[in-house]
N, C-alpha and C. Protein backbone atom coordinates (compact mmCIF):
# COMPACT_ATOMS: atom_id res chain seq x y z
N MET A 1 28.79 46.61 24.90
CA MET A 1 28.73 45.42 24.19
C MET A 1 30.11 45.35 23.39
N GLU A 2 30.72 44.22 23.38
CA GLU A 2 31.92 44.06 22.63
C GLU A 2 31.85 42.95 21.57
N LEU A 3 31.40 43.35 20.48
CA LEU A 3 31.16 42.44 19.30
C LEU A 3 32.37 42.35 18.51
N SER A 4 32.72 41.13 18.04
CA SER A 4 33.90 40.96 17.16
C SER A 4 33.55 40.18 16.01
N GLY A 5 34.48 40.11 14.97
CA GLY A 5 34.15 39.42 13.78
C GLY A 5 33.74 40.50 12.75
N SER A 6 33.17 39.96 11.67
CA SER A 6 32.86 40.88 10.48
C SER A 6 31.41 41.20 10.54
N LEU A 7 30.94 42.28 9.74
CA LEU A 7 29.62 42.62 9.67
C LEU A 7 29.03 41.90 8.43
N SER A 8 28.09 41.02 8.77
CA SER A 8 27.64 40.06 7.67
C SER A 8 26.96 40.91 6.56
N PRO A 9 27.21 40.53 5.29
CA PRO A 9 26.57 41.11 4.26
C PRO A 9 24.98 40.89 4.25
N PHE A 10 24.59 39.94 5.05
CA PHE A 10 23.08 39.67 5.14
C PHE A 10 22.34 40.74 5.80
N VAL A 11 23.14 41.73 6.49
CA VAL A 11 22.33 42.79 7.13
C VAL A 11 21.62 43.65 6.00
N ALA A 12 22.23 43.60 4.80
CA ALA A 12 21.53 44.28 3.67
C ALA A 12 20.16 43.77 3.38
N ASN A 13 19.89 42.50 3.87
CA ASN A 13 18.57 42.01 3.56
C ASN A 13 17.50 42.45 4.54
N MET A 14 17.98 43.18 5.58
CA MET A 14 16.96 43.71 6.57
C MET A 14 16.62 45.07 6.13
N THR A 15 15.77 45.07 5.12
CA THR A 15 15.39 46.27 4.45
C THR A 15 14.58 47.29 5.20
N ALA A 16 14.01 46.96 6.32
CA ALA A 16 13.18 47.82 7.17
C ALA A 16 13.99 48.46 8.23
N LEU A 17 15.37 48.23 8.26
CA LEU A 17 16.17 48.87 9.28
C LEU A 17 16.19 50.48 9.01
N THR A 18 16.07 51.19 10.15
CA THR A 18 16.22 52.60 10.06
C THR A 18 17.38 53.00 10.83
N ASN A 19 17.92 52.35 11.71
CA ASN A 19 19.08 52.66 12.63
C ASN A 19 19.92 51.44 12.78
N ILE A 20 21.20 51.72 12.55
CA ILE A 20 22.36 50.72 13.01
C ILE A 20 23.24 51.33 13.84
N TRP A 21 23.33 50.88 15.21
CA TRP A 21 24.32 51.38 16.07
C TRP A 21 25.32 50.21 16.46
N LEU A 22 26.41 50.19 15.87
CA LEU A 22 27.38 49.19 16.13
C LEU A 22 28.74 49.82 16.52
N GLY A 23 28.74 51.02 16.89
CA GLY A 23 30.09 51.67 17.28
C GLY A 23 30.63 51.05 18.49
N ASN A 24 31.90 51.36 18.65
CA ASN A 24 32.68 50.90 19.87
C ASN A 24 32.68 49.42 20.12
N ASN A 25 32.98 48.68 19.13
CA ASN A 25 33.17 47.29 19.21
C ASN A 25 34.47 46.77 18.54
N SER A 26 34.69 45.63 18.17
CA SER A 26 35.95 45.07 17.56
C SER A 26 35.52 44.54 16.21
N LEU A 27 34.63 45.09 15.51
CA LEU A 27 34.30 44.56 14.17
C LEU A 27 35.45 44.84 13.18
N SER A 28 35.62 43.91 12.33
CA SER A 28 36.70 44.11 11.29
C SER A 28 36.28 43.63 10.00
N GLY A 29 37.23 43.72 8.95
CA GLY A 29 36.86 43.42 7.62
C GLY A 29 36.30 44.58 6.85
N HIS A 30 35.61 44.32 5.69
CA HIS A 30 35.04 45.31 4.90
C HIS A 30 33.62 45.63 5.43
N ILE A 31 33.18 46.95 5.19
CA ILE A 31 31.80 47.24 5.42
C ILE A 31 31.08 46.82 4.20
N PRO A 32 30.06 45.93 4.41
CA PRO A 32 29.30 45.41 3.22
C PRO A 32 28.53 46.52 2.52
N ASP A 33 28.01 46.24 1.32
CA ASP A 33 27.13 47.19 0.59
C ASP A 33 25.85 47.14 1.21
N LEU A 34 25.50 48.38 1.77
CA LEU A 34 24.24 48.46 2.44
C LEU A 34 23.27 49.36 1.66
N GLY A 35 23.42 49.43 0.37
CA GLY A 35 22.61 50.32 -0.47
C GLY A 35 21.12 49.92 -0.67
N SER A 36 20.82 48.69 -0.20
CA SER A 36 19.39 48.27 -0.27
C SER A 36 18.68 48.66 0.95
N LEU A 37 19.34 49.32 1.96
CA LEU A 37 18.64 49.76 3.30
C LEU A 37 18.17 51.16 2.95
N THR A 38 17.21 51.28 2.12
CA THR A 38 16.67 52.57 1.60
C THR A 38 16.02 53.44 2.73
N LEU A 39 15.69 52.76 3.82
CA LEU A 39 15.03 53.56 4.99
C LEU A 39 16.00 53.90 5.97
N LEU A 40 17.21 53.57 5.88
CA LEU A 40 18.25 53.86 6.91
C LEU A 40 18.42 55.23 7.04
N GLU A 41 18.41 55.73 8.32
CA GLU A 41 18.55 57.13 8.74
C GLU A 41 19.85 57.38 9.48
N ILE A 42 20.26 56.48 10.30
CA ILE A 42 21.46 56.51 11.21
C ILE A 42 22.26 55.34 11.11
N LEU A 43 23.55 55.54 10.92
CA LEU A 43 24.56 54.45 10.72
C LEU A 43 25.76 54.82 11.63
N HIS A 44 25.96 54.02 12.77
CA HIS A 44 27.08 54.25 13.69
C HIS A 44 27.93 52.97 13.66
N LEU A 45 29.12 53.12 12.98
CA LEU A 45 30.12 52.12 12.87
C LEU A 45 31.47 52.54 13.46
N GLU A 46 31.52 53.70 14.19
CA GLU A 46 32.77 54.26 14.52
C GLU A 46 33.44 53.38 15.69
N ASP A 47 34.74 53.62 15.70
CA ASP A 47 35.57 52.86 16.75
C ASP A 47 35.50 51.36 16.67
N ASN A 48 35.68 50.82 15.33
CA ASN A 48 35.88 49.44 15.05
C ASN A 48 37.20 49.34 14.29
N GLN A 49 37.41 48.19 13.75
CA GLN A 49 38.65 47.97 13.01
C GLN A 49 38.37 47.64 11.50
N PHE A 50 37.35 48.34 10.97
CA PHE A 50 37.05 48.11 9.56
C PHE A 50 38.18 48.47 8.59
N ASP A 51 38.33 47.87 7.59
CA ASP A 51 39.37 48.27 6.49
C ASP A 51 38.66 48.39 5.16
N GLY A 52 39.40 48.90 4.20
CA GLY A 52 38.89 49.06 2.81
C GLY A 52 38.06 50.30 2.71
N GLU A 53 37.39 50.44 1.59
CA GLU A 53 36.61 51.70 1.21
C GLU A 53 35.24 51.67 1.90
N ILE A 54 34.74 52.77 2.12
CA ILE A 54 33.32 52.96 2.50
C ILE A 54 32.45 52.74 1.29
N PRO A 55 31.48 51.83 1.28
CA PRO A 55 30.68 51.59 0.02
C PRO A 55 30.01 52.90 -0.48
N SER A 56 30.24 53.11 -1.78
CA SER A 56 29.67 54.40 -2.36
C SER A 56 28.14 54.33 -2.40
N SER A 57 27.57 53.25 -2.29
CA SER A 57 26.14 52.98 -2.29
C SER A 57 25.49 53.84 -1.07
N LEU A 58 26.26 54.00 -0.05
CA LEU A 58 25.72 54.65 1.10
C LEU A 58 25.34 56.08 0.77
N GLY A 59 26.06 56.74 -0.25
CA GLY A 59 25.75 58.00 -0.70
C GLY A 59 24.33 58.17 -1.43
N ASN A 60 23.82 56.95 -1.88
CA ASN A 60 22.51 57.05 -2.58
C ASN A 60 21.35 56.79 -1.73
N ILE A 61 21.49 56.59 -0.35
CA ILE A 61 20.40 56.47 0.58
C ILE A 61 19.96 57.76 1.04
N SER A 62 18.86 58.35 0.46
CA SER A 62 18.44 59.68 0.64
C SER A 62 17.98 59.95 2.09
N THR A 63 17.57 58.89 2.78
CA THR A 63 17.14 59.10 4.23
C THR A 63 18.20 59.12 5.21
N LEU A 64 19.53 58.73 4.85
CA LEU A 64 20.61 58.67 5.78
C LEU A 64 21.08 60.06 5.99
N HIS A 65 21.07 60.41 7.26
CA HIS A 65 21.43 61.79 7.66
C HIS A 65 22.50 61.79 8.77
N LYS A 66 22.86 60.64 9.37
CA LYS A 66 23.87 60.63 10.41
C LYS A 66 24.71 59.41 10.15
N VAL A 67 26.01 59.64 9.93
CA VAL A 67 26.94 58.50 9.72
C VAL A 67 28.13 58.67 10.65
């Protein structure tokens, strides 16, 4: 899949998400604050064109074990 554009901050409203697999696309812009995704276990965003800082709130998700 070749997705492009930005990652919508509204993803953070999907609080039941446990996995996000969006690696190997053409996503760009900033990674939104995903700190509200307290059930998130796996986050794959590699091989995109994101810029800026990785949100520090990701460090507060105790269930997150694969980034």
